[in-house]
N, C-alpha and C. Protein backbone atom coordinates (compact mmCIF):
# COMPACT_ATOMS: atom_id res chain seq x y z
N MET A 1 0.86 -1.18 0.00
CA MET A 1 0.00 0.00 0.00
C MET A 1 0.89 1.23 0.00
N SER A 2 0.53 2.17 -0.81
CA SER A 2 1.32 3.39 -0.92
C SER A 2 1.21 4.23 0.35
N GLY A 3 2.35 4.78 0.78
CA GLY A 3 2.36 5.65 1.95
C GLY A 3 1.47 6.85 1.78
N SER A 4 1.34 7.35 0.54
CA SER A 4 0.48 8.52 0.32
C SER A 4 -0.98 8.17 0.54
N VAL A 5 -1.39 6.94 0.18
CA VAL A 5 -2.77 6.51 0.42
C VAL A 5 -3.01 6.39 1.92
N GLU A 6 -2.06 5.80 2.62
CA GLU A 6 -2.20 5.66 4.07
C GLU A 6 -2.23 7.02 4.76
N ALA A 7 -1.40 7.94 4.29
CA ALA A 7 -1.39 9.29 4.87
C ALA A 7 -2.71 10.00 4.59
N ALA A 8 -3.24 9.84 3.38
CA ALA A 8 -4.53 10.45 3.04
C ALA A 8 -5.64 9.85 3.90
N HIS A 9 -5.58 8.53 4.13
CA HIS A 9 -6.59 7.88 4.97
C HIS A 9 -6.52 8.41 6.39
N ASP A 10 -5.31 8.59 6.89
CA ASP A 10 -5.15 9.14 8.24
C ASP A 10 -5.74 10.55 8.33
N ARG A 11 -5.46 11.39 7.34
CA ARG A 11 -6.02 12.75 7.33
C ARG A 11 -7.54 12.72 7.25
N LEU A 12 -8.07 11.86 6.38
CA LEU A 12 -9.53 11.74 6.25
C LEU A 12 -10.15 11.31 7.58
N THR A 13 -9.58 10.27 8.16
CA THR A 13 -10.13 9.73 9.41
C THR A 13 -10.15 10.80 10.50
N ARG A 14 -9.03 11.51 10.65
CA ARG A 14 -8.98 12.56 11.67
C ARG A 14 -10.01 13.66 11.41
N SER A 15 -10.34 13.90 10.16
CA SER A 15 -11.27 15.00 9.85
C SER A 15 -12.74 14.60 9.96
N VAL A 16 -13.06 13.29 9.87
CA VAL A 16 -14.48 12.91 9.86
C VAL A 16 -14.93 12.09 11.05
N ILE A 17 -14.01 11.35 11.68
CA ILE A 17 -14.42 10.53 12.83
C ILE A 17 -14.86 11.47 13.95
N GLY A 18 -15.97 11.14 14.54
CA GLY A 18 -16.52 11.99 15.59
C GLY A 18 -17.69 12.83 15.08
N LYS A 19 -17.81 12.95 13.75
CA LYS A 19 -18.98 13.65 13.20
C LYS A 19 -20.19 12.74 13.37
N LYS A 20 -21.28 13.31 13.81
CA LYS A 20 -22.49 12.53 14.01
C LYS A 20 -22.91 11.89 12.68
N GLY A 21 -23.10 10.59 12.69
CA GLY A 21 -23.53 9.87 11.50
C GLY A 21 -22.42 9.15 10.75
N VAL A 22 -21.15 9.44 11.09
CA VAL A 22 -20.04 8.74 10.44
C VAL A 22 -19.75 7.47 11.23
N ALA A 23 -19.81 6.31 10.55
CA ALA A 23 -19.60 5.03 11.20
C ALA A 23 -18.15 4.57 11.13
N GLY A 24 -17.40 5.02 10.12
CA GLY A 24 -16.01 4.60 9.99
C GLY A 24 -15.41 5.02 8.67
N THR A 25 -14.13 4.66 8.48
CA THR A 25 -13.41 4.95 7.24
C THR A 25 -12.56 3.74 6.88
N ALA A 26 -12.12 3.69 5.63
CA ALA A 26 -11.28 2.58 5.17
C ALA A 26 -10.55 2.99 3.90
N ILE A 27 -9.58 2.16 3.52
CA ILE A 27 -8.93 2.26 2.23
C ILE A 27 -9.55 1.17 1.36
N GLY A 28 -9.97 1.53 0.15
CA GLY A 28 -10.58 0.57 -0.75
C GLY A 28 -10.05 0.75 -2.16
N SER A 29 -10.81 0.26 -3.12
CA SER A 29 -10.41 0.46 -4.52
C SER A 29 -11.63 0.77 -5.36
N ARG A 30 -11.38 1.52 -6.41
CA ARG A 30 -12.42 1.88 -7.38
C ARG A 30 -11.78 1.72 -8.75
N GLY A 31 -12.30 0.81 -9.56
CA GLY A 31 -11.75 0.60 -10.88
C GLY A 31 -10.29 0.17 -10.87
N GLY A 32 -9.90 -0.59 -9.85
CA GLY A 32 -8.53 -1.06 -9.75
C GLY A 32 -7.55 -0.04 -9.20
N ARG A 33 -8.04 1.12 -8.81
CA ARG A 33 -7.17 2.16 -8.23
C ARG A 33 -7.59 2.42 -6.80
N PRO A 34 -6.66 2.86 -5.94
CA PRO A 34 -7.01 3.11 -4.54
C PRO A 34 -8.04 4.23 -4.39
N CYS A 35 -8.88 4.07 -3.40
CA CYS A 35 -9.81 5.14 -3.00
C CYS A 35 -9.95 5.07 -1.49
N LEU A 36 -10.54 6.09 -0.95
CA LEU A 36 -10.84 6.14 0.48
C LEU A 36 -12.33 5.97 0.64
N LYS A 37 -12.75 5.36 1.73
CA LYS A 37 -14.16 5.12 1.99
C LYS A 37 -14.56 5.81 3.29
N VAL A 38 -15.76 6.39 3.26
CA VAL A 38 -16.39 6.89 4.48
C VAL A 38 -17.70 6.13 4.60
N TYR A 39 -17.90 5.49 5.74
CA TYR A 39 -19.12 4.73 5.99
C TYR A 39 -20.05 5.55 6.88
N LEU A 40 -21.32 5.64 6.43
CA LEU A 40 -22.32 6.42 7.16
C LEU A 40 -23.35 5.51 7.81
N GLU A 41 -23.89 5.96 8.94
CA GLU A 41 -24.95 5.22 9.62
C GLU A 41 -26.25 5.25 8.84
N LYS A 42 -26.52 6.37 8.16
CA LYS A 42 -27.73 6.49 7.33
C LYS A 42 -27.43 7.46 6.21
N ASN A 43 -28.28 7.45 5.20
CA ASN A 43 -28.09 8.34 4.06
C ASN A 43 -28.50 9.76 4.46
N ASP A 44 -27.52 10.58 4.74
CA ASP A 44 -27.73 11.94 5.23
C ASP A 44 -27.12 12.92 4.22
N ARG A 45 -27.97 13.56 3.44
CA ARG A 45 -27.50 14.48 2.40
C ARG A 45 -26.65 15.62 2.94
N ALA A 46 -27.08 16.18 4.06
CA ALA A 46 -26.33 17.30 4.64
C ALA A 46 -24.93 16.85 5.05
N LEU A 47 -24.81 15.67 5.63
CA LEU A 47 -23.51 15.15 6.02
C LEU A 47 -22.65 14.85 4.79
N ARG A 48 -23.25 14.26 3.76
CA ARG A 48 -22.50 13.97 2.53
C ARG A 48 -21.88 15.23 1.95
N ARG A 49 -22.60 16.35 2.01
CA ARG A 49 -22.08 17.61 1.46
C ARG A 49 -20.87 18.12 2.24
N LYS A 50 -20.75 17.72 3.49
CA LYS A 50 -19.63 18.17 4.34
C LYS A 50 -18.38 17.31 4.17
N LEU A 51 -18.51 16.18 3.47
CA LEU A 51 -17.38 15.27 3.31
C LEU A 51 -16.58 15.65 2.07
N PRO A 52 -15.27 15.46 2.11
CA PRO A 52 -14.44 15.80 0.94
C PRO A 52 -14.66 14.80 -0.19
N SER A 53 -14.49 15.25 -1.43
CA SER A 53 -14.60 14.35 -2.58
C SER A 53 -13.27 13.66 -2.85
N SER A 54 -12.19 14.23 -2.31
CA SER A 54 -10.87 13.60 -2.40
C SER A 54 -9.99 14.15 -1.29
N VAL A 55 -8.96 13.38 -0.96
CA VAL A 55 -7.96 13.80 0.03
C VAL A 55 -6.60 13.45 -0.56
N GLY A 56 -5.75 14.43 -0.71
CA GLY A 56 -4.42 14.19 -1.26
C GLY A 56 -4.46 13.58 -2.65
N GLY A 57 -5.49 13.92 -3.42
CA GLY A 57 -5.62 13.38 -4.77
C GLY A 57 -6.25 12.00 -4.84
N ILE A 58 -6.59 11.42 -3.69
CA ILE A 58 -7.23 10.09 -3.63
C ILE A 58 -8.73 10.31 -3.51
N PRO A 59 -9.53 9.74 -4.44
CA PRO A 59 -10.98 9.95 -4.38
C PRO A 59 -11.60 9.32 -3.14
N VAL A 60 -12.69 9.93 -2.68
CA VAL A 60 -13.42 9.44 -1.50
C VAL A 60 -14.79 8.94 -1.95
N ASP A 61 -15.10 7.70 -1.61
CA ASP A 61 -16.42 7.11 -1.85
C ASP A 61 -17.17 7.08 -0.53
N VAL A 62 -18.47 7.29 -0.59
CA VAL A 62 -19.30 7.26 0.61
C VAL A 62 -20.28 6.11 0.47
N GLU A 63 -20.37 5.29 1.52
CA GLU A 63 -21.29 4.16 1.54
C GLU A 63 -22.11 4.20 2.82
N VAL A 64 -23.37 3.80 2.72
CA VAL A 64 -24.23 3.69 3.90
C VAL A 64 -24.16 2.25 4.37
N THR A 65 -23.69 2.07 5.60
CA THR A 65 -23.52 0.73 6.17
C THR A 65 -24.39 0.50 7.39
N GLY A 66 -24.93 1.56 7.94
CA GLY A 66 -25.59 1.45 9.23
C GLY A 66 -24.56 1.63 10.32
N LYS A 67 -25.02 1.55 11.54
CA LYS A 67 -24.13 1.74 12.68
C LYS A 67 -23.21 0.53 12.82
N MET A 68 -21.93 0.79 13.09
CA MET A 68 -20.96 -0.29 13.30
C MET A 68 -20.64 -0.39 14.77
N ASN A 69 -20.49 -1.62 15.23
CA ASN A 69 -20.12 -1.86 16.62
C ASN A 69 -18.64 -2.17 16.71
N ARG A 70 -17.99 -1.65 17.71
CA ARG A 70 -16.57 -1.97 17.95
C ARG A 70 -16.49 -3.30 18.66
N TRP A 71 -15.48 -4.06 18.33
CA TRP A 71 -15.30 -5.38 18.96
C TRP A 71 -14.37 -5.29 20.10
């Protein structure tokens, strides 16, 4: 995994974790290329507008997963 992707994921996570409705973040892929993921508890248009479309040139995808429980 590229250090720039990991650094972008770290920046994304620090900027969105703690926002009401954000369930988590991850590194994923889109079309065979790296992307960042933000997981939401529910489909919230206002929250989606506050999320970045990319971080450090890495695109951000948003998915609704529901609430996640920590193990």
